[in-house]
Amino acid sequence: MKALIKKLKLFVHDEAGPTATEYAILLSLIAMMAVVAMSQFGAHVSGIYSYIDGAVPLS
């Protein structure tokens, strides 16, 4: 029983879990921002190609 209580106390004072959670949240925020940035960049590039397509006369 004493070993269980000792392990429980070590678990409560261990900071590896919260640190891993913080890194996971940070990584998910970075991934979401990357997806948003790529979608905005893709829309911009699509607009450029549409402009070029309309400006080039077909023979």
N, C-alpha and C. Protein backbone atom coordinates (compact mmCIF):
# COMPACT_ATOMS: atom_id res chain seq x y z
N MET A 1 0.83 -1.20 0.00
CA MET A 1 0.00 0.00 0.00
C MET A 1 0.86 1.26 0.00
N LYS A 2 1.98 1.20 0.75
CA LYS A 2 2.87 2.36 0.80
C LYS A 2 3.49 2.64 -0.57
N ALA A 3 3.76 1.58 -1.32
CA ALA A 3 4.34 1.76 -2.66
C ALA A 3 3.34 2.45 -3.58
N LEU A 4 2.07 2.11 -3.46
CA LEU A 4 1.03 2.73 -4.27
C LEU A 4 0.90 4.22 -3.95
N ILE A 5 0.93 4.54 -2.66
CA ILE A 5 0.84 5.95 -2.24
C ILE A 5 2.06 6.72 -2.73
N LYS A 6 3.23 6.09 -2.66
CA LYS A 6 4.46 6.75 -3.13
C LYS A 6 4.39 7.03 -4.64
N LYS A 7 3.91 6.04 -5.40
CA LYS A 7 3.78 6.22 -6.85
C LYS A 7 2.74 7.29 -7.19
N LEU A 8 1.68 7.33 -6.42
CA LEU A 8 0.66 8.35 -6.64
C LEU A 8 1.20 9.75 -6.39
N LYS A 9 1.99 9.90 -5.33
CA LYS A 9 2.60 11.20 -5.03
C LYS A 9 3.58 11.61 -6.13
N LEU A 10 4.36 10.65 -6.63
CA LEU A 10 5.28 10.96 -7.73
C LEU A 10 4.51 11.36 -8.99
N PHE A 11 3.40 10.69 -9.24
CA PHE A 11 2.58 11.01 -10.41
C PHE A 11 2.00 12.42 -10.31
N VAL A 12 1.55 12.80 -9.13
CA VAL A 12 0.95 14.12 -8.94
C VAL A 12 1.99 15.22 -9.12
N HIS A 13 3.21 14.97 -8.67
CA HIS A 13 4.26 16.00 -8.75
C HIS A 13 5.04 15.97 -10.05
N ASP A 14 4.81 14.96 -10.87
CA ASP A 14 5.51 14.85 -12.15
C ASP A 14 4.94 15.88 -13.12
N GLU A 15 5.81 16.62 -13.81
CA GLU A 15 5.36 17.66 -14.74
C GLU A 15 5.51 17.25 -16.19
N ALA A 16 5.83 15.99 -16.46
CA ALA A 16 5.98 15.54 -17.84
C ALA A 16 4.64 15.50 -18.56
N GLY A 17 3.58 15.14 -17.87
CA GLY A 17 2.26 15.07 -18.48
C GLY A 17 1.75 16.43 -18.94
N PRO A 18 1.73 17.43 -18.05
CA PRO A 18 1.27 18.75 -18.49
C PRO A 18 2.14 19.34 -19.59
N THR A 19 3.45 19.08 -19.54
CA THR A 19 4.34 19.60 -20.57
C THR A 19 4.00 18.97 -21.92
N ALA A 20 3.76 17.68 -21.94
CA ALA A 20 3.40 17.00 -23.19
C ALA A 20 2.07 17.53 -23.72
N THR A 21 1.14 17.79 -22.82
CA THR A 21 -0.16 18.33 -23.23
C THR A 21 0.01 19.72 -23.82
N GLU A 22 0.83 20.53 -23.20
CA GLU A 22 1.07 21.89 -23.73
C GLU A 22 1.70 21.83 -25.11
N TYR A 23 2.66 20.92 -25.30
CA TYR A 23 3.28 20.78 -26.62
C TYR A 23 2.26 20.29 -27.65
N ALA A 24 1.38 19.40 -27.27
CA ALA A 24 0.37 18.90 -28.19
C ALA A 24 -0.59 20.01 -28.61
N ILE A 25 -0.99 20.85 -27.66
CA ILE A 25 -1.87 21.97 -27.98
C ILE A 25 -1.16 22.96 -28.90
N LEU A 26 0.10 23.26 -28.60
CA LEU A 26 0.88 24.18 -29.43
C LEU A 26 1.04 23.64 -30.84
N LEU A 27 1.33 22.34 -30.94
CA LEU A 27 1.49 21.73 -32.26
C LEU A 27 0.19 21.77 -33.05
N SER A 28 -0.94 21.53 -32.39
CA SER A 28 -2.21 21.57 -33.11
C SER A 28 -2.54 22.98 -33.58
N LEU A 29 -2.22 24.00 -32.78
CA LEU A 29 -2.45 25.38 -33.21
C LEU A 29 -1.57 25.74 -34.41
N ILE A 30 -0.32 25.32 -34.38
CA ILE A 30 0.58 25.58 -35.50
C ILE A 30 0.07 24.89 -36.76
N ALA A 31 -0.40 23.65 -36.62
CA ALA A 31 -0.92 22.91 -37.78
C ALA A 31 -2.16 23.59 -38.35
N MET A 32 -3.04 24.07 -37.48
CA MET A 32 -4.24 24.77 -37.96
C MET A 32 -3.86 26.05 -38.69
N MET A 33 -2.90 26.80 -38.18
CA MET A 33 -2.47 28.03 -38.84
C MET A 33 -1.83 27.72 -40.19
N ALA A 34 -1.09 26.62 -40.28
CA ALA A 34 -0.48 26.24 -41.55
C ALA A 34 -1.55 25.90 -42.57
N VAL A 35 -2.60 25.19 -42.16
CA VAL A 35 -3.69 24.85 -43.08
C VAL A 35 -4.39 26.11 -43.57
N VAL A 36 -4.65 27.04 -42.68
CA VAL A 36 -5.31 28.30 -43.06
C VAL A 36 -4.42 29.09 -44.02
N ALA A 37 -3.13 29.17 -43.71
CA ALA A 37 -2.21 29.91 -44.58
C ALA A 37 -2.14 29.27 -45.97
N MET A 38 -2.06 27.94 -46.02
CA MET A 38 -1.99 27.26 -47.33
C MET A 38 -3.27 27.44 -48.12
N SER A 39 -4.41 27.43 -47.46
CA SER A 39 -5.66 27.62 -48.21
C SER A 39 -5.76 29.04 -48.75
N GLN A 40 -5.32 30.02 -47.97
CA GLN A 40 -5.34 31.40 -48.46
C GLN A 40 -4.35 31.56 -49.62
N PHE A 41 -3.18 30.97 -49.49
CA PHE A 41 -2.18 31.05 -50.56
C PHE A 41 -2.69 30.36 -51.81
N GLY A 42 -3.37 29.22 -51.64
CA GLY A 42 -3.92 28.49 -52.79
C GLY A 42 -4.98 29.30 -53.50
N ALA A 43 -5.82 30.00 -52.74
CA ALA A 43 -6.86 30.83 -53.36
C ALA A 43 -6.21 31.98 -54.14
N HIS A 44 -5.15 32.54 -53.60
CA HIS A 44 -4.46 33.64 -54.27
C HIS A 44 -3.83 33.15 -55.58
N VAL A 45 -3.17 32.01 -55.54
CA VAL A 45 -2.54 31.46 -56.75
C VAL A 45 -3.60 31.09 -57.78
N SER A 46 -4.72 30.56 -57.33
CA SER A 46 -5.81 30.23 -58.25
C SER A 46 -6.32 31.48 -58.95
N GLY A 47 -6.42 32.58 -58.22
CA GLY A 47 -6.85 33.84 -58.82
C GLY A 47 -5.87 34.34 -59.86
N ILE A 48 -4.59 34.19 -59.59
CA ILE A 48 -3.56 34.60 -60.55
C ILE A 48 -3.67 33.80 -61.83
N TYR A 49 -3.82 32.46 -61.69
CA TYR A 49 -3.94 31.62 -62.88
C TYR A 49 -5.23 31.92 -63.65
N SER A 50 -6.28 32.23 -62.96
CA SER A 50 -7.53 32.60 -63.65
C SER A 50 -7.35 33.89 -64.44
N TYR A 51 -6.64 34.85 -63.85
CA TYR A 51 -6.37 36.12 -64.54
C TYR A 51 -5.52 35.87 -65.79
N ILE A 52 -4.49 35.04 -65.65
CA ILE A 52 -3.63 34.74 -66.81
C ILE A 52 -4.42 34.01 -67.89
N ASP A 53 -5.27 33.08 -67.46
CA ASP A 53 -6.08 32.33 -68.42
C ASP A 53 -7.01 33.26 -69.20
N GLY A 54 -7.56 34.25 -68.53
CA GLY A 54 -8.45 35.18 -69.22
C GLY A 54 -7.70 36.18 -70.07
N ALA A 55 -6.45 36.47 -69.73
CA ALA A 55 -5.69 37.47 -70.48
C ALA A 55 -5.04 36.91 -71.74
N VAL A 56 -4.79 35.62 -71.76
CA VAL A 56 -4.12 35.02 -72.91
C VAL A 56 -5.19 34.67 -73.95
N PRO A 57 -5.08 35.26 -75.15
CA PRO A 57 -6.09 34.98 -76.17
C PRO A 57 -5.88 33.58 -76.77
N LEU A 58 -6.98 32.94 -77.04
CA LEU A 58 -6.92 31.63 -77.70
C LEU A 58 -6.98 31.85 -79.20
N SER A 59 -6.21 31.03 -79.97
CA SER A 59 -6.21 31.24 -81.40
C SER A 59 -7.32 30.56 -82.10
